[in-house]
């Protein structure tokens, strides 16, 4: 089976490509560097020829509200007709848990727009909504820093390891389309501020994490269940301790 992974050289994409290739599948890692650009449509026809499955893991180079919306809308309008012409039988996209519950977050609004284009495309699909990755805890702490303190909401948080995300994405790519959404999350759930405090302590960062119900998360107010699945979710296997051990071993 031929599988094209859009964004196949990124954090999740590179891991997903490796898993699928180990399984004996013909996998193309598509990205602008390889001459495939969903934003412009360049190289799509050639890349998708003979492809049964497309896994879209591409991300906007800019997180500015207008730019990210334009990225996902333009990408979808280029990608889906090319998939239809190639006879693609399953489109998989990675999205985010809670995007429909935080309308003040421009990135989340853009992902909602992406999902709507997928649903309207007529191509069998599965949308995988994931919680935040452990790999971004450092960046979250940096974005929430106020001097020597880090202000974070006590809303619930359930981060997942990139290795688990890639394993699930690869598994979904080999399964039948759901024509719906599956949510995935890490195995441990705790208040947002406590998880980031645990990370900072583990890396020896002396900054104090302050519990602040009014703290924003990339512009959004975080309620108790804003960032976690509300119903049934597929859980990863890797908890914080194992993820941290692996991350330090690979550093």
C-alpha atoms as a PDB file:
ATOM      1  CA  UNK A   1       0.000   0.000   0.000  1.00  0.00           C
ATOM      2  CA  UNK A   2       1.296   3.449  -0.905  1.00  0.00           C
ATOM      3  CA  UNK A   3       0.964   6.064   1.829  1.00  0.00           C
ATOM      4  CA  UNK A   4       1.872   9.735   1.543  1.00  0.00           C
ATOM      5  CA  UNK A   5       2.635  11.594   4.761  1.00  0.00           C
ATOM      6  CA  UNK A   6       2.265  15.343   4.292  1.00  0.00           C
ATOM      7  CA  UNK A   7       4.637  16.998   6.744  1.00  0.00           C
ATOM      8  CA  UNK A   8       6.562  13.746   6.830  1.00  0.00           C
ATOM      9  CA  UNK A   9       9.789  15.326   8.093  1.00  0.00           C
ATOM     10  CA  UNK A  10       8.353  16.981  11.224  1.00  0.00           C
ATOM     11  CA  UNK A  11       8.222  15.739  14.816  1.00  0.00           C
ATOM     12  CA  UNK A  12       5.251  13.392  14.363  1.00  0.00           C
ATOM     13  CA  UNK A  13       5.682  12.896  10.634  1.00  0.00           C
ATOM     14  CA  UNK A  14       9.219  11.505  10.786  1.00  0.00           C
ATOM     15  CA  UNK A  15       8.238   9.045  13.514  1.00  0.00           C
ATOM     16  CA  UNK A  16       5.091   7.978  11.630  1.00  0.00           C
ATOM     17  CA  UNK A  17       7.020   7.442   8.394  1.00  0.00           C
ATOM     18  CA  UNK A  18       9.564   5.260  10.202  1.00  0.00           C
ATOM     19  CA  UNK A  19       6.861   3.086  11.804  1.00  0.00           C
ATOM     20  CA  UNK A  20       5.032   2.545   8.516  1.00  0.00           C
ATOM     21  CA  UNK A  21       8.222   1.753   6.604  1.00  0.00           C
ATOM     22  CA  UNK A  22       9.178  -0.773   9.264  1.00  0.00           C
ATOM     23  CA  UNK A  23       5.820  -2.398   8.542  1.00  0.00           C
ATOM     24  CA  UNK A  24       6.798  -2.856   4.923  1.00  0.00           C
ATOM     25  CA  UNK A  25       4.647  -0.123   3.416  1.00  0.00           C
ATOM     26  CA  UNK A  26       5.645   2.196   0.589  1.00  0.00           C
ATOM     27  CA  UNK A  27       5.740   5.585   2.300  1.00  0.00           C
ATOM     28  CA  UNK A  28       6.563   8.979   0.850  1.00  0.00           C
ATOM     29  CA  UNK A  29       7.531  11.752   3.251  1.00  0.00           C
ATOM     30  CA  UNK A  30       6.150  14.822   1.497  1.00  0.00           C
ATOM     31  CA  UNK A  31       7.210  18.350   2.375  1.00  0.00           C
ATOM     32  CA  UNK A  32       8.174  21.567   0.598  1.00  0.00           C
ATOM     33  CA  UNK A  33      11.810  20.389   0.741  1.00  0.00           C
ATOM     34  CA  UNK A  34      10.824  17.318  -1.288  1.00  0.00           C
ATOM     35  CA  UNK A  35       8.931  19.462  -3.802  1.00  0.00           C
ATOM     36  CA  UNK A  36       5.437  18.924  -2.380  1.00  0.00           C
ATOM     37  CA  UNK A  37       3.707  22.056  -1.124  1.00  0.00           C
ATOM     38  CA  UNK A  38       0.050  21.915  -0.105  1.00  0.00           C
ATOM     39  CA  UNK A  39      -0.064  25.698   0.280  1.00  0.00           C
ATOM     40  CA  UNK A  40       0.699  26.262  -3.411  1.00  0.00           C
ATOM     41  CA  UNK A  41      -0.346  22.873  -4.783  1.00  0.00           C
ATOM     42  CA  UNK A  42       3.147  22.260  -6.154  1.00  0.00           C
ATOM     43  CA  UNK A  43       3.984  18.578  -6.652  1.00  0.00           C
ATOM     44  CA  UNK A  44       0.705  17.215  -5.294  1.00  0.00           C
ATOM     45  CA  UNK A  45      -0.457  15.487  -8.467  1.00  0.00           C
ATOM     46  CA  UNK A  46       2.837  13.654  -8.879  1.00  0.00           C
ATOM     47  CA  UNK A  47       3.173  12.756  -5.189  1.00  0.00           C
ATOM     48  CA  UNK A  48      -0.342  11.339  -4.906  1.00  0.00           C
ATOM     49  CA  UNK A  49      -0.303   9.196  -8.041  1.00  0.00           C
ATOM     50  CA  UNK A  50      -1.207   5.640  -7.035  1.00  0.00           C
ATOM     51  CA  UNK A  51      -1.676   6.597  -3.373  1.00  0.00           C
ATOM     52  CA  UNK A  52      -4.307   4.862  -1.247  1.00  0.00           C
ATOM     53  CA  UNK A  53      -3.795   6.751   2.044  1.00  0.00           C
ATOM     54  CA  UNK A  54      -2.836  10.347   2.828  1.00  0.00           C
ATOM     55  CA  UNK A  55      -1.804  11.350   6.352  1.00  0.00           C
ATOM     56  CA  UNK A  56      -1.804  15.129   6.715  1.00  0.00           C
ATOM     57  CA  UNK A  57       0.528  16.305   9.476  1.00  0.00           C
ATOM     58  CA  UNK A  58       1.491  19.637   7.898  1.00  0.00           C
ATOM     59  CA  UNK A  59       1.563  22.741  10.072  1.00  0.00           C
ATOM     60  CA  UNK A  60       1.546  26.433   9.353  1.00  0.00           C
ATOM     61  CA  UNK A  61       4.941  28.171   9.417  1.00  0.00           C
ATOM     62  CA  UNK A  62       3.221  31.117  11.126  1.00  0.00           C
ATOM     63  CA  UNK A  63       0.881  30.936  14.131  1.00  0.00           C
ATOM     64  CA  UNK A  64      -0.512  34.437  13.541  1.00  0.00           C
ATOM     65  CA  UNK A  65      -4.316  34.174  13.408  1.00  0.00           C
ATOM     66  CA  UNK A  66      -4.834  35.240   9.787  1.00  0.00           C
ATOM     67  CA  UNK A  67      -1.808  33.383   8.430  1.00  0.00           C
ATOM     68  CA  UNK A  68      -2.641  30.070  10.086  1.00  0.00           C
ATOM     69  CA  UNK A  69      -6.256  30.186   8.895  1.00  0.00           C
ATOM     70  CA  UNK A  70      -5.120  30.929   5.349  1.00  0.00           C
ATOM     71  CA  UNK A  71      -2.618  28.071   5.537  1.00  0.00           C
ATOM     72  CA  UNK A  72      -5.116  25.387   6.509  1.00  0.00           C
ATOM     73  CA  UNK A  73      -7.831  26.639   4.152  1.00  0.00           C
ATOM     74  CA  UNK A  74      -5.504  26.916   1.145  1.00  0.00           C
ATOM     75  CA  UNK A  75      -3.890  23.564   1.915  1.00  0.00           C
ATOM     76  CA  UNK A  76      -7.248  21.820   2.110  1.00  0.00           C
ATOM     77  CA  UNK A  77      -8.496  23.375  -1.111  1.00  0.00           C
ATOM     78  CA  UNK A  78      -5.386  22.172  -2.925  1.00  0.00           C
ATOM     79  CA  UNK A  79      -5.020  18.785  -1.258  1.00  0.00           C
ATOM     80  CA  UNK A  80      -8.541  17.371  -1.366  1.00  0.00           C
ATOM     81  CA  UNK A  81      -9.178  17.741  -5.135  1.00  0.00           C
ATOM     82  CA  UNK A  82      -5.749  16.216  -5.779  1.00  0.00           C
ATOM     83  CA  UNK A  83      -6.647  13.286  -3.509  1.00  0.00           C
ATOM     84  CA  UNK A  84      -9.975  12.805  -5.280  1.00  0.00           C
ATOM     85  CA  UNK A  85      -8.258  12.795  -8.674  1.00  0.00           C
ATOM     86  CA  UNK A  86      -5.745  10.211  -7.447  1.00  0.00           C
ATOM     87  CA  UNK A  87      -8.436   7.943  -5.974  1.00  0.00           C
ATOM     88  CA  UNK A  88      -7.234   8.255  -2.388  1.00  0.00           C
ATOM     89  CA  UNK A  89      -9.315   6.001  -0.142  1.00  0.00           C
ATOM     90  CA  UNK A  90      -8.492   7.387   3.318  1.00  0.00           C
ATOM     91  CA  UNK A  91      -7.487  10.865   4.497  1.00  0.00           C
ATOM     92  CA  UNK A  92      -6.124  11.163   8.037  1.00  0.00           C
ATOM     93  CA  UNK A  93      -5.465  14.496   9.723  1.00  0.00           C
ATOM     94  CA  UNK A  94      -3.985  15.315  13.114  1.00  0.00           C
ATOM     95  CA  UNK A  95      -5.971  17.911  15.038  1.00  0.00           C
ATOM     96  CA  UNK A  96      -6.304  19.059  18.644  1.00  0.00           C
ATOM     97  CA  UNK A  97      -8.568  18.074  21.539  1.00  0.00           C
ATOM     98  CA  UNK A  98     -10.848  20.934  22.555  1.00  0.00           C
ATOM     99  CA  UNK A  99     -10.542  23.113  19.449  1.00  0.00           C
ATOM    100  CA  UNK A 100     -14.309  23.622  19.365  1.00  0.00           C
ATOM    101  CA  UNK A 101     -14.343  24.767  23.003  1.00  0.00           C
ATOM    102  CA  UNK A 102     -11.903  27.707  22.756  1.00  0.00           C
ATOM    103  CA  UNK A 103     -13.228  30.138  20.128  1.00  0.00           C
ATOM    104  CA  UNK A 104     -10.849  32.901  21.255  1.00  0.00           C
ATOM    105  CA  UNK A 105      -7.831  30.873  20.104  1.00  0.00           C
ATOM    106  CA  UNK A 106      -6.998  31.721  16.476  1.00  0.00           C
ATOM    107  CA  UNK A 107      -5.003  28.543  15.899  1.00  0.00           C
ATOM    108  CA  UNK A 108      -7.878  26.432  17.175  1.00  0.00           C
ATOM    109  CA  UNK A 109     -10.307  28.281  14.875  1.00  0.00           C
ATOM    110  CA  UNK A 110      -8.036  27.451  11.947  1.00  0.00           C
ATOM    111  CA  UNK A 111      -8.020  23.762  12.874  1.00  0.00           C
ATOM    112  CA  UNK A 112     -11.826  23.805  13.025  1.00  0.00           C
ATOM    113  CA  UNK A 113     -11.828  25.224   9.498  1.00  0.00           C
ATOM    114  CA  UNK A 114      -9.454  22.458   8.402  1.00  0.00           C
ATOM    115  CA  UNK A 115     -11.739  19.790   9.853  1.00  0.00           C
ATOM    116  CA  UNK A 116     -14.788  21.272   8.073  1.00  0.00           C
ATOM    117  CA  UNK A 117     -12.988  21.128   4.724  1.00  0.00           C
ATOM    118  CA  UNK A 118     -12.095  17.487   5.374  1.00  0.00           C
ATOM    119  CA  UNK A 119     -15.697  16.599   6.210  1.00  0.00           C
ATOM    120  CA  UNK A 120     -16.965  18.343   3.076  1.00  0.00           C
ATOM    121  CA  UNK A 121     -14.363  16.808   0.743  1.00  0.00           C
ATOM    122  CA  UNK A 122     -16.236  13.584   0.059  1.00  0.00           C
ATOM    123  CA  UNK A 123     -13.084  11.554   0.728  1.00  0.00           C
ATOM    124  CA  UNK A 124     -13.326   8.914   3.496  1.00  0.00           C
ATOM    125  CA  UNK A 125     -11.504  10.316   6.494  1.00  0.00           C
ATOM    126  CA  UNK A 126     -10.447  10.043  10.104  1.00  0.00           C
ATOM    127  CA  UNK A 127      -9.595  13.088  12.213  1.00  0.00           C
ATOM    128  CA  UNK A 128      -7.326  12.373  15.180  1.00  0.00           C
ATOM    129  CA  UNK A 129      -7.676  15.000  17.878  1.00  0.00           C
ATOM    130  CA  UNK A 130      -4.712  14.889  20.249  1.00  0.00           C
ATOM    131  CA  UNK A 131      -3.923  16.548  23.533  1.00  0.00           C
ATOM    132  CA  UNK A 132      -0.708  18.564  23.771  1.00  0.00           C
ATOM    133  CA  UNK A 133       2.617  16.762  23.446  1.00  0.00           C
ATOM    134  CA  UNK A 134       5.097  16.349  26.311  1.00  0.00           C
ATOM    135  CA  UNK A 135       7.714  17.687  23.901  1.00  0.00           C
ATOM    136  CA  UNK A 136       6.138  21.164  24.100  1.00  0.00           C
ATOM    137  CA  UNK A 137       6.215  21.526  27.905  1.00  0.00           C
ATOM    138  CA  UNK A 138       9.401  23.591  27.682  1.00  0.00           C
ATOM    139  CA  UNK A 139       7.824  25.982  25.190  1.00  0.00           C
ATOM    140  CA  UNK A 140       4.642  26.255  27.242  1.00  0.00           C
ATOM    141  CA  UNK A 141       6.657  27.204  30.313  1.00  0.00           C
ATOM    142  CA  UNK A 142       8.555  29.809  28.307  1.00  0.00           C
ATOM    143  CA  UNK A 143       5.371  31.332  26.869  1.00  0.00           C
ATOM    144  CA  UNK A 144       3.795  31.514  30.335  1.00  0.00           C
ATOM    145  CA  UNK A 145       6.821  32.960  32.131  1.00  0.00           C
ATOM    146  CA  UNK A 146       6.585  36.213  34.056  1.00  0.00           C
ATOM    147  CA  UNK A 147      10.069  36.888  35.368  1.00  0.00           C
ATOM    148  CA  UNK A 148      10.982  34.082  37.752  1.00  0.00           C
ATOM    149  CA  UNK A 149       7.445  32.728  37.869  1.00  0.00           C
ATOM    150  CA  UNK A 150       5.382  30.722  35.413  1.00  0.00           C
ATOM    151  CA  UNK A 151       1.652  31.413  35.581  1.00  0.00           C
ATOM    152  CA  UNK A 152      -0.600  28.557  34.520  1.00  0.00           C
ATOM    153  CA  UNK A 153      -4.207  27.530  34.869  1.00  0.00           C
ATOM    154  CA  UNK A 154      -5.165  24.662  37.193  1.00  0.00           C
ATOM    155  CA  UNK A 155      -7.401  23.320  34.416  1.00  0.00           C
ATOM    156  CA  UNK A 156      -6.872  19.638  33.664  1.00  0.00           C
ATOM    157  CA  UNK A 157      -4.063  18.606  31.323  1.00  0.00           C
ATOM    158  CA  UNK A 158      -3.307  15.196  29.818  1.00  0.00           C
ATOM    159  CA  UNK A 159      -0.188  15.432  27.625  1.00  0.00           C
ATOM    160  CA  UNK A 160       0.893  12.638  25.316  1.00  0.00           C
ATOM    161  CA  UNK A 161       4.323  11.561  24.062  1.00  0.00           C
ATOM    162  CA  UNK A 162       5.123  12.139  20.383  1.00  0.00           C
ATOM    163  CA  UNK A 163       6.068   8.452  20.096  1.00  0.00           C
ATOM    164  CA  UNK A 164       2.566   7.471  21.182  1.00  0.00           C
ATOM    165  CA  UNK A 165       0.983   9.969  18.780  1.00  0.00           C
ATOM    166  CA  UNK A 166       2.983   8.584  15.863  1.00  0.00           C
ATOM    167  CA  UNK A 167       2.123   4.987  16.770  1.00  0.00           C
ATOM    168  CA  UNK A 168      -1.589   5.786  16.855  1.00  0.00           C
ATOM    169  CA  UNK A 169      -1.454   7.844  13.648  1.00  0.00           C
ATOM    170  CA  UNK A 170       0.262   4.951  11.864  1.00  0.00           C
ATOM    171  CA  UNK A 171      -2.298   2.493  13.225  1.00  0.00           C
ATOM    172  CA  UNK A 172      -5.218   4.671  12.112  1.00  0.00           C
ATOM    173  CA  UNK A 173      -3.599   5.039   8.696  1.00  0.00           C
ATOM    174  CA  UNK A 174      -3.781   1.276   8.202  1.00  0.00           C
ATOM    175  CA  UNK A 175      -7.352   0.955   9.477  1.00  0.00           C
ATOM    176  CA  UNK A 176     -10.667   1.683   7.779  1.00  0.00           C
ATOM    177  CA  UNK A 177     -11.865   5.311   7.724  1.00  0.00           C
ATOM    178  CA  UNK A 178     -14.144   6.316  10.596  1.00  0.00           C
ATOM    179  CA  UNK A 179     -15.638   9.310   8.789  1.00  0.00           C
ATOM    180  CA  UNK A 180     -15.442  10.914  12.199  1.00  0.00           C
ATOM    181  CA  UNK A 181     -13.170  11.911  15.058  1.00  0.00           C
ATOM    182  CA  UNK A 182     -11.049   9.859  17.445  1.00  0.00           C
ATOM    183  CA  UNK A 183      -9.501  11.578  20.455  1.00  0.00           C
ATOM    184  CA  UNK A 184      -6.148  10.588  21.923  1.00  0.00           C
ATOM    185  CA  UNK A 185      -4.400  11.586  25.148  1.00  0.00           C
ATOM    186  CA  UNK A 186      -1.651  10.578  27.520  1.00  0.00           C
ATOM    187  CA  UNK A 187      -2.195   8.056  30.338  1.00  0.00           C
ATOM    188  CA  UNK A 188      -1.979  10.635  33.164  1.00  0.00           C
ATOM    189  CA  UNK A 189      -4.318  13.539  33.912  1.00  0.00           C
ATOM    190  CA  UNK A 190      -3.513  16.319  36.380  1.00  0.00           C
ATOM    191  CA  UNK A 191      -3.837  20.107  36.753  1.00  0.00           C
ATOM    192  CA  UNK A 192      -1.922  22.007  34.051  1.00  0.00           C
ATOM    193  CA  UNK A 193       0.200  23.930  36.559  1.00  0.00           C
ATOM    194  CA  UNK A 194       1.203  20.739  38.402  1.00  0.00           C
ATOM    195  CA  UNK A 195       2.421  18.966  35.263  1.00  0.00           C
ATOM    196  CA  UNK A 196       4.537  21.925  34.152  1.00  0.00           C
ATOM    197  CA  UNK A 197       5.901  22.312  37.710  1.00  0.00           C
ATOM    198  CA  UNK A 198       6.870  18.631  37.623  1.00  0.00           C
ATOM    199  CA  UNK A 199       8.689  19.175  34.332  1.00  0.00           C
ATOM    200  CA  UNK A 200      10.578  22.251  35.540  1.00  0.00           C
ATOM    201  CA  UNK A 201      11.636  20.432  38.702  1.00  0.00           C
ATOM    202  CA  UNK A 202      12.844  17.472  36.649  1.00  0.00           C
ATOM    203  CA  UNK A 203      15.040  19.655  34.432  1.00  0.00           C
ATOM    204  CA  UNK A 204      16.355  21.665  37.388  1.00  0.00           C
ATOM    205  CA  UNK A 205      14.603  24.896  36.439  1.00  0.00           C
ATOM    206  CA  UNK A 206      14.206  26.998  39.622  1.00  0.00           C
ATOM    207  CA  UNK A 207      11.267  29.073  38.397  1.00  0.00           C
ATOM    208  CA  UNK A 208       8.132  28.860  40.524  1.00  0.00           C
ATOM    209  CA  UNK A 209       4.895  27.750  38.888  1.00  0.00           C
ATOM    210  CA  UNK A 210       1.978  29.843  40.122  1.00  0.00           C
ATOM    211  CA  UNK A 211      -1.573  28.498  40.009  1.00  0.00           C
ATOM    212  CA  UNK A 212      -3.544  31.220  38.228  1.00  0.00           C
ATOM    213  CA  UNK A 213      -7.112  30.496  37.061  1.00  0.00           C
ATOM    214  CA  UNK A 214      -6.956  33.604  34.855  1.00  0.00           C
ATOM    215  CA  UNK A 215      -3.730  32.606  33.088  1.00  0.00           C
ATOM    216  CA  UNK A 216      -4.109  32.324  29.324  1.00  0.00           C
ATOM    217  CA  UNK A 217      -2.884  29.448  27.187  1.00  0.00           C
ATOM    218  CA  UNK A 218      -1.802  30.905  23.842  1.00  0.00           C
ATOM    219  CA  UNK A 219      -4.552  33.496  24.196  1.00  0.00           C
ATOM    220  CA  UNK A 220      -7.275  31.200  25.517  1.00  0.00           C
ATOM    221  CA  UNK A 221      -8.811  31.051  28.957  1.00  0.00           C
ATOM    222  CA  UNK A 222      -8.514  27.491  30.285  1.00  0.00           C
ATOM    223  CA  UNK A 223     -11.538  26.017  32.019  1.00  0.00           C
ATOM    224  CA  UNK A 224     -11.378  22.752  33.954  1.00  0.00           C
ATOM    225  CA  UNK A 225     -11.946  20.517  30.899  1.00  0.00           C
ATOM    226  CA  UNK A 226     -10.812  22.782  28.038  1.00  0.00           C
ATOM    227  CA  UNK A 227      -7.715  20.752  27.184  1.00  0.00           C
ATOM    228  CA  UNK A 228      -8.758  17.156  27.865  1.00  0.00           C
ATOM    229  CA  UNK A 229     -11.130  14.701  26.176  1.00  0.00           C
ATOM    230  CA  UNK A 230     -14.692  14.903  27.467  1.00  0.00           C
ATOM    231  CA  UNK A 231     -15.607  11.348  26.539  1.00  0.00           C
ATOM    232  CA  UNK A 232     -13.886   8.148  25.516  1.00  0.00           C
ATOM    233  CA  UNK A 233     -10.333   8.560  24.268  1.00  0.00           C
ATOM    234  CA  UNK A 234      -7.549   6.313  23.075  1.00  0.00           C
ATOM    235  CA  UNK A 235      -4.698   6.589  25.567  1.00  0.00           C
ATOM    236  CA  UNK A 236      -0.981   6.435  24.969  1.00  0.00           C
ATOM    237  CA  UNK A 237       1.274   4.140  27.004  1.00  0.00           C
ATOM    238  CA  UNK A 238       4.087   6.537  27.891  1.00  0.00           C
ATOM    239  CA  UNK A 239       3.706   8.502  31.120  1.00  0.00           C
ATOM    240  CA  UNK A 240       5.730  11.517  32.212  1.00  0.00           C
ATOM    241  CA  UNK A 241       8.533   9.597  33.938  1.00  0.00           C
ATOM    242  CA  UNK A 242       9.210   7.309  30.992  1.00  0.00           C
ATOM    243  CA  UNK A 243       8.949  10.167  28.498  1.00  0.00           C
ATOM    244  CA  UNK A 244      11.389  12.268  30.522  1.00  0.00           C
ATOM    245  CA  UNK A 245      13.844   9.391  30.796  1.00  0.00           C
ATOM    246  CA  UNK A 246      13.699   8.830  27.035  1.00  0.00           C
ATOM    247  CA  UNK A 247      14.034  12.545  26.292  1.00  0.00           C
ATOM    248  CA  UNK A 248      17.118  12.835  28.482  1.00  0.00           C
ATOM    249  CA  UNK A 249      18.658   9.717  26.973  1.00  0.00           C
ATOM    250  CA  UNK A 250      18.222  11.167  23.503  1.00  0.00           C
ATOM    251  CA  UNK A 251      19.389  14.669  24.395  1.00  0.00           C
END
